[in-house]
């Protein structure tokens, strides 16, 4: 688990899902995440990198003072549609998140990385 707030710039660029390489997230400097499947754009979400001090997130009160990072998405087509993720790891090569309310890890890697869980 990362201990400190992440740099917004670390998430910029393309991430490929380890479990489904047809799924791709592209984070832009415009604070938009472009979601692709099989190279077809399927959704666009405004994103924010957050910490526990930004609680509540997606209507959920997260523990104050935790050493975990978060990410909030707001759907550009429906601003009432929000998703929040716990960011367990964000490095140059790996993005590991969990969607609030699920126990499933979503692991992404850079296209040039040979990372395997």
C-alpha atoms as a PDB file:
ATOM      1  CA  UNK A   1       0.000   0.000   0.000  1.00  0.00           C
ATOM      2  CA  UNK A   2       1.327   3.396  -0.865  1.00  0.00           C
ATOM      3  CA  UNK A   3       1.981   5.486   2.209  1.00  0.00           C
ATOM      4  CA  UNK A   4       1.742   8.925   0.843  1.00  0.00           C
ATOM      5  CA  UNK A   5      -0.430  11.002  -1.475  1.00  0.00           C
ATOM      6  CA  UNK A   6       0.395  10.164  -5.065  1.00  0.00           C
ATOM      7  CA  UNK A   7       1.510  12.627  -7.681  1.00  0.00           C
ATOM      8  CA  UNK A   8      -1.305  13.257 -10.153  1.00  0.00           C
ATOM      9  CA  UNK A   9       1.215  13.049 -12.982  1.00  0.00           C
ATOM     10  CA  UNK A  10       2.110   9.437 -12.128  1.00  0.00           C
ATOM     11  CA  UNK A  11      -1.270   8.207 -13.366  1.00  0.00           C
ATOM     12  CA  UNK A  12      -1.074   9.989 -16.724  1.00  0.00           C
ATOM     13  CA  UNK A  13      -0.963   7.799 -19.816  1.00  0.00           C
ATOM     14  CA  UNK A  14      -2.199   4.394 -20.888  1.00  0.00           C
ATOM     15  CA  UNK A  15      -2.960   1.434 -18.610  1.00  0.00           C
ATOM     16  CA  UNK A  16      -3.852  -2.081 -19.856  1.00  0.00           C
ATOM     17  CA  UNK A  17      -5.913  -4.439 -17.655  1.00  0.00           C
ATOM     18  CA  UNK A  18      -3.850  -7.466 -16.675  1.00  0.00           C
ATOM     19  CA  UNK A  19      -6.899  -9.766 -16.574  1.00  0.00           C
ATOM     20  CA  UNK A  20      -8.356  -8.502 -19.881  1.00  0.00           C
ATOM     21  CA  UNK A  21      -5.845  -6.875 -22.251  1.00  0.00           C
ATOM     22  CA  UNK A  22      -8.694  -5.533 -24.418  1.00  0.00           C
ATOM     23  CA  UNK A  23      -9.624  -3.192 -21.544  1.00  0.00           C
ATOM     24  CA  UNK A  24      -7.636   0.041 -21.438  1.00  0.00           C
ATOM     25  CA  UNK A  25      -7.776   3.225 -19.354  1.00  0.00           C
ATOM     26  CA  UNK A  26      -6.082   6.371 -20.673  1.00  0.00           C
ATOM     27  CA  UNK A  27      -5.622   9.200 -18.167  1.00  0.00           C
ATOM     28  CA  UNK A  28      -5.135  12.616 -19.750  1.00  0.00           C
ATOM     29  CA  UNK A  29      -3.730  15.899 -18.481  1.00  0.00           C
ATOM     30  CA  UNK A  30      -7.278  17.218 -18.967  1.00  0.00           C
ATOM     31  CA  UNK A  31      -8.280  15.146 -15.869  1.00  0.00           C
ATOM     32  CA  UNK A  32     -10.371  12.833 -18.078  1.00  0.00           C
ATOM     33  CA  UNK A  33     -10.056   9.045 -18.042  1.00  0.00           C
ATOM     34  CA  UNK A  34     -10.921   7.568 -21.411  1.00  0.00           C
ATOM     35  CA  UNK A  35     -12.113   3.966 -21.105  1.00  0.00           C
ATOM     36  CA  UNK A  36     -11.572   1.743 -24.140  1.00  0.00           C
ATOM     37  CA  UNK A  37     -12.520  -1.823 -24.928  1.00  0.00           C
ATOM     38  CA  UNK A  38     -11.024  -3.438 -28.034  1.00  0.00           C
ATOM     39  CA  UNK A  39      -9.805   0.050 -29.044  1.00  0.00           C
ATOM     40  CA  UNK A  40     -13.381   1.422 -28.996  1.00  0.00           C
ATOM     41  CA  UNK A  41     -14.087   4.350 -26.663  1.00  0.00           C
ATOM     42  CA  UNK A  42     -16.800   3.197 -24.241  1.00  0.00           C
ATOM     43  CA  UNK A  43     -16.847   5.944 -21.608  1.00  0.00           C
ATOM     44  CA  UNK A  44     -15.241   9.127 -20.333  1.00  0.00           C
ATOM     45  CA  UNK A  45     -14.954  10.109 -16.692  1.00  0.00           C
ATOM     46  CA  UNK A  46     -13.488  13.136 -14.958  1.00  0.00           C
ATOM     47  CA  UNK A  47     -11.072  11.880 -12.304  1.00  0.00           C
ATOM     48  CA  UNK A  48      -9.610  13.254  -9.087  1.00  0.00           C
ATOM     49  CA  UNK A  49      -6.832  11.787  -6.967  1.00  0.00           C
ATOM     50  CA  UNK A  50      -7.780  12.085  -3.295  1.00  0.00           C
ATOM     51  CA  UNK A  51      -6.750  11.156   0.237  1.00  0.00           C
ATOM     52  CA  UNK A  52      -8.750  10.242   3.352  1.00  0.00           C
ATOM     53  CA  UNK A  53      -8.770  13.915   4.323  1.00  0.00           C
ATOM     54  CA  UNK A  54     -11.139  14.479   1.363  1.00  0.00           C
ATOM     55  CA  UNK A  55     -13.788  12.252   3.023  1.00  0.00           C
ATOM     56  CA  UNK A  56     -16.615  11.541   2.368  1.00  0.00           C
ATOM     57  CA  UNK A  57     -15.922   9.939  -1.007  1.00  0.00           C
ATOM     58  CA  UNK A  58     -18.862   8.846  -3.163  1.00  0.00           C
ATOM     59  CA  UNK A  59     -21.064   9.394  -0.120  1.00  0.00           C
ATOM     60  CA  UNK A  60     -18.966   7.039   2.022  1.00  0.00           C
ATOM     61  CA  UNK A  61     -17.057   8.245   5.068  1.00  0.00           C
ATOM     62  CA  UNK A  62     -13.556   6.800   4.809  1.00  0.00           C
ATOM     63  CA  UNK A  63     -11.253   6.517   7.788  1.00  0.00           C
ATOM     64  CA  UNK A  64      -9.533   9.752   8.626  1.00  0.00           C
ATOM     65  CA  UNK A  65      -5.784   9.526   8.732  1.00  0.00           C
ATOM     66  CA  UNK A  66      -5.444   6.334   6.726  1.00  0.00           C
ATOM     67  CA  UNK A  67      -2.340   6.018   4.606  1.00  0.00           C
ATOM     68  CA  UNK A  68      -4.286   5.076   1.489  1.00  0.00           C
ATOM     69  CA  UNK A  69      -4.980   7.007  -1.683  1.00  0.00           C
ATOM     70  CA  UNK A  70      -8.302   7.242  -3.472  1.00  0.00           C
ATOM     71  CA  UNK A  71      -9.585   8.140  -6.917  1.00  0.00           C
ATOM     72  CA  UNK A  72     -13.039   9.523  -7.712  1.00  0.00           C
ATOM     73  CA  UNK A  73     -14.598   9.336 -11.173  1.00  0.00           C
ATOM     74  CA  UNK A  74     -17.544  11.421 -12.369  1.00  0.00           C
ATOM     75  CA  UNK A  75     -19.174  10.252 -15.588  1.00  0.00           C
ATOM     76  CA  UNK A  76     -19.174  13.060 -18.155  1.00  0.00           C
ATOM     77  CA  UNK A  77     -22.503  11.913 -19.658  1.00  0.00           C
ATOM     78  CA  UNK A  78     -24.206  11.631 -16.258  1.00  0.00           C
ATOM     79  CA  UNK A  79     -22.608  13.761 -13.481  1.00  0.00           C
ATOM     80  CA  UNK A  80     -24.714  11.945 -10.851  1.00  0.00           C
ATOM     81  CA  UNK A  81     -22.879   8.719 -11.751  1.00  0.00           C
ATOM     82  CA  UNK A  82     -19.779   8.606  -9.537  1.00  0.00           C
ATOM     83  CA  UNK A  83     -17.336   5.790  -8.817  1.00  0.00           C
ATOM     84  CA  UNK A  84     -14.628   5.726  -6.185  1.00  0.00           C
ATOM     85  CA  UNK A  85     -11.581   3.511  -6.028  1.00  0.00           C
ATOM     86  CA  UNK A  86      -9.072   2.675  -3.330  1.00  0.00           C
ATOM     87  CA  UNK A  87      -5.639   3.069  -4.930  1.00  0.00           C
ATOM     88  CA  UNK A  88      -3.483   0.339  -3.423  1.00  0.00           C
ATOM     89  CA  UNK A  89      -0.504   0.831  -5.685  1.00  0.00           C
ATOM     90  CA  UNK A  90       0.531   3.324  -8.329  1.00  0.00           C
ATOM     91  CA  UNK A  91       4.030   3.072  -9.766  1.00  0.00           C
ATOM     92  CA  UNK A  92       5.608   3.745 -13.144  1.00  0.00           C
ATOM     93  CA  UNK A  93       4.512   0.259 -14.243  1.00  0.00           C
ATOM     94  CA  UNK A  94       1.513  -0.871 -12.136  1.00  0.00           C
ATOM     95  CA  UNK A  95      -1.872   0.539 -11.084  1.00  0.00           C
ATOM     96  CA  UNK A  96      -3.763  -1.573  -8.541  1.00  0.00           C
ATOM     97  CA  UNK A  97      -7.235  -0.374  -7.450  1.00  0.00           C
ATOM     98  CA  UNK A  98     -10.457  -1.662  -5.910  1.00  0.00           C
ATOM     99  CA  UNK A  99     -13.864  -0.190  -6.696  1.00  0.00           C
ATOM    100  CA  UNK A 100     -15.705   0.846  -3.505  1.00  0.00           C
ATOM    101  CA  UNK A 101     -18.102  -1.852  -2.385  1.00  0.00           C
ATOM    102  CA  UNK A 102     -16.259  -4.729  -4.078  1.00  0.00           C
ATOM    103  CA  UNK A 103     -13.359  -6.872  -3.005  1.00  0.00           C
ATOM    104  CA  UNK A 104     -12.045  -7.264  -6.522  1.00  0.00           C
ATOM    105  CA  UNK A 105      -8.615  -5.914  -7.348  1.00  0.00           C
ATOM    106  CA  UNK A 106      -8.284  -4.298 -10.761  1.00  0.00           C
ATOM    107  CA  UNK A 107      -4.672  -4.494 -11.858  1.00  0.00           C
ATOM    108  CA  UNK A 108      -3.373  -2.484 -14.798  1.00  0.00           C
ATOM    109  CA  UNK A 109       0.081  -2.259 -16.324  1.00  0.00           C
ATOM    110  CA  UNK A 110       1.760   0.064 -18.780  1.00  0.00           C
ATOM    111  CA  UNK A 111       1.753  -1.221 -22.397  1.00  0.00           C
ATOM    112  CA  UNK A 112       5.557  -1.531 -22.314  1.00  0.00           C
ATOM    113  CA  UNK A 113       5.636  -3.343 -18.962  1.00  0.00           C
ATOM    114  CA  UNK A 114       5.915  -7.129 -18.710  1.00  0.00           C
ATOM    115  CA  UNK A 115       4.375  -7.094 -15.201  1.00  0.00           C
ATOM    116  CA  UNK A 116       2.375 -10.210 -14.282  1.00  0.00           C
ATOM    117  CA  UNK A 117       0.682 -10.638 -10.871  1.00  0.00           C
END
